[in-house]
Amino acid sequence: MLVDIMRIRRERSRAWYQLAAMTERELQDCGMTRSEIAYELKKPIRRK
């Protein structure tokens, strides 16, 4: 369980850094905004 949480946090961290490096144009191409990214990354980790 703890290992799963740590893995998910690591994945979210990687995703955040990748998305933060994108330009506004690249985000638009993906259909995302910076506020949507922040919202998704702040979601709590759900237990199985």
N, C-alpha and C. Protein backbone atom coordinates (compact mmCIF):
# COMPACT_ATOMS: atom_id res chain seq x y z
N MET A 1 0.82 -1.19 0.00
CA MET A 1 0.00 0.00 0.00
C MET A 1 0.87 1.26 0.00
N LEU A 2 1.83 1.34 0.92
CA LEU A 2 2.71 2.50 0.99
C LEU A 2 3.56 2.60 -0.27
N VAL A 3 3.98 1.48 -0.78
CA VAL A 3 4.78 1.46 -2.00
C VAL A 3 3.96 2.02 -3.16
N ASP A 4 2.69 1.67 -3.24
CA ASP A 4 1.82 2.18 -4.30
C ASP A 4 1.68 3.69 -4.21
N ILE A 5 1.50 4.21 -3.01
CA ILE A 5 1.36 5.65 -2.81
C ILE A 5 2.63 6.37 -3.24
N MET A 6 3.77 5.83 -2.86
CA MET A 6 5.05 6.44 -3.24
C MET A 6 5.24 6.42 -4.75
N ARG A 7 4.85 5.34 -5.39
CA ARG A 7 4.96 5.22 -6.84
C ARG A 7 4.07 6.27 -7.52
N ILE A 8 2.86 6.41 -7.05
CA ILE A 8 1.92 7.37 -7.64
C ILE A 8 2.45 8.79 -7.46
N ARG A 9 2.96 9.10 -6.29
CA ARG A 9 3.51 10.44 -6.05
C ARG A 9 4.69 10.72 -6.97
N ARG A 10 5.54 9.72 -7.17
CA ARG A 10 6.69 9.88 -8.07
C ARG A 10 6.21 10.12 -9.50
N GLU A 11 5.20 9.36 -9.94
CA GLU A 11 4.66 9.54 -11.29
C GLU A 11 4.07 10.93 -11.46
N ARG A 12 3.33 11.39 -10.45
CA ARG A 12 2.74 12.73 -10.52
C ARG A 12 3.81 13.80 -10.55
N SER A 13 4.87 13.59 -9.81
CA SER A 13 5.96 14.56 -9.79
C SER A 13 6.60 14.66 -11.17
N ARG A 14 6.85 13.53 -11.79
CA ARG A 14 7.42 13.53 -13.14
C ARG A 14 6.48 14.23 -14.12
N ALA A 15 5.20 13.91 -14.03
CA ALA A 15 4.22 14.52 -14.93
C ALA A 15 4.17 16.03 -14.72
N TRP A 16 4.23 16.47 -13.47
CA TRP A 16 4.18 17.90 -13.18
C TRP A 16 5.35 18.62 -13.83
N TYR A 17 6.55 18.06 -13.67
CA TYR A 17 7.73 18.70 -14.25
C TYR A 17 7.66 18.73 -15.78
N GLN A 18 7.16 17.68 -16.37
CA GLN A 18 7.03 17.65 -17.83
C GLN A 18 6.00 18.67 -18.31
N LEU A 19 4.87 18.74 -17.62
CA LEU A 19 3.83 19.68 -18.00
C LEU A 19 4.25 21.13 -17.73
N ALA A 20 4.96 21.34 -16.64
CA ALA A 20 5.42 22.70 -16.30
C ALA A 20 6.40 23.22 -17.34
N ALA A 21 7.13 22.33 -18.00
CA ALA A 21 8.10 22.74 -19.00
C ALA A 21 7.44 23.07 -20.34
N MET A 22 6.17 22.72 -20.51
CA MET A 22 5.49 22.95 -21.78
C MET A 22 5.08 24.41 -21.92
N THR A 23 5.06 24.87 -23.15
CA THR A 23 4.58 26.23 -23.43
C THR A 23 3.05 26.23 -23.44
N GLU A 24 2.49 27.42 -23.40
CA GLU A 24 1.03 27.54 -23.46
C GLU A 24 0.48 26.92 -24.74
N ARG A 25 1.20 27.09 -25.82
CA ARG A 25 0.79 26.53 -27.11
C ARG A 25 0.76 25.00 -27.07
N GLU A 26 1.79 24.42 -26.48
CA GLU A 26 1.84 22.96 -26.36
C GLU A 26 0.70 22.45 -25.49
N LEU A 27 0.41 23.17 -24.42
CA LEU A 27 -0.70 22.77 -23.56
C LEU A 27 -2.02 22.85 -24.32
N GLN A 28 -2.20 23.91 -25.11
CA GLN A 28 -3.42 24.04 -25.91
C GLN A 28 -3.55 22.87 -26.88
N ASP A 29 -2.44 22.48 -27.47
CA ASP A 29 -2.46 21.34 -28.40
C ASP A 29 -2.92 20.07 -27.70
N CYS A 30 -2.60 19.95 -26.42
CA CYS A 30 -3.02 18.78 -25.62
C CYS A 30 -4.44 18.95 -25.08
N GLY A 31 -4.99 20.15 -25.24
CA GLY A 31 -6.34 20.41 -24.74
C GLY A 31 -6.37 20.66 -23.24
N MET A 32 -5.27 21.20 -22.70
CA MET A 32 -5.19 21.43 -21.25
C MET A 32 -4.83 22.88 -20.95
N THR A 33 -5.17 23.30 -19.74
CA THR A 33 -4.75 24.60 -19.25
C THR A 33 -3.93 24.37 -17.98
N ARG A 34 -3.19 25.38 -17.56
CA ARG A 34 -2.37 25.25 -16.35
C ARG A 34 -3.25 24.98 -15.13
N SER A 35 -4.43 25.58 -15.07
CA SER A 35 -5.30 25.35 -13.90
C SER A 35 -5.83 23.92 -13.89
N GLU A 36 -6.11 23.34 -15.04
CA GLU A 36 -6.56 21.95 -15.09
C GLU A 36 -5.46 21.01 -14.63
N ILE A 37 -4.23 21.32 -15.00
CA ILE A 37 -3.11 20.49 -14.59
C ILE A 37 -2.98 20.52 -13.07
N ALA A 38 -3.02 21.72 -12.50
CA ALA A 38 -2.90 21.86 -11.05
C ALA A 38 -4.01 21.10 -10.34
N TYR A 39 -5.23 21.19 -10.86
CA TYR A 39 -6.36 20.48 -10.25
C TYR A 39 -6.15 18.97 -10.28
N GLU A 40 -5.74 18.46 -11.41
CA GLU A 40 -5.55 17.01 -11.55
C GLU A 40 -4.43 16.50 -10.64
N LEU A 41 -3.36 17.26 -10.56
CA LEU A 41 -2.22 16.80 -9.76
C LEU A 41 -2.46 16.92 -8.26
N LYS A 42 -3.43 17.73 -7.85
CA LYS A 42 -3.72 17.88 -6.42
C LYS A 42 -4.78 16.89 -5.93
N LYS A 43 -5.32 16.10 -6.83
CA LYS A 43 -6.33 15.11 -6.42
C LYS A 43 -5.71 14.14 -5.41
N PRO A 44 -6.48 13.75 -4.42
CA PRO A 44 -5.94 12.78 -3.44
C PRO A 44 -5.71 11.42 -4.09
N ILE A 45 -4.77 10.71 -3.54
CA ILE A 45 -4.47 9.36 -4.02
C ILE A 45 -5.53 8.43 -3.46
N ARG A 46 -6.23 7.77 -4.33
CA ARG A 46 -7.33 6.90 -3.90
C ARG A 46 -6.79 5.51 -3.57
N ARG A 47 -7.37 4.96 -2.56
CA ARG A 47 -7.01 3.59 -2.18
C ARG A 47 -7.83 2.61 -2.97
N LYS A 48 -7.28 1.42 -3.17
CA LYS A 48 -7.98 0.37 -3.93
C LYS A 48 -9.05 -0.27 -3.08
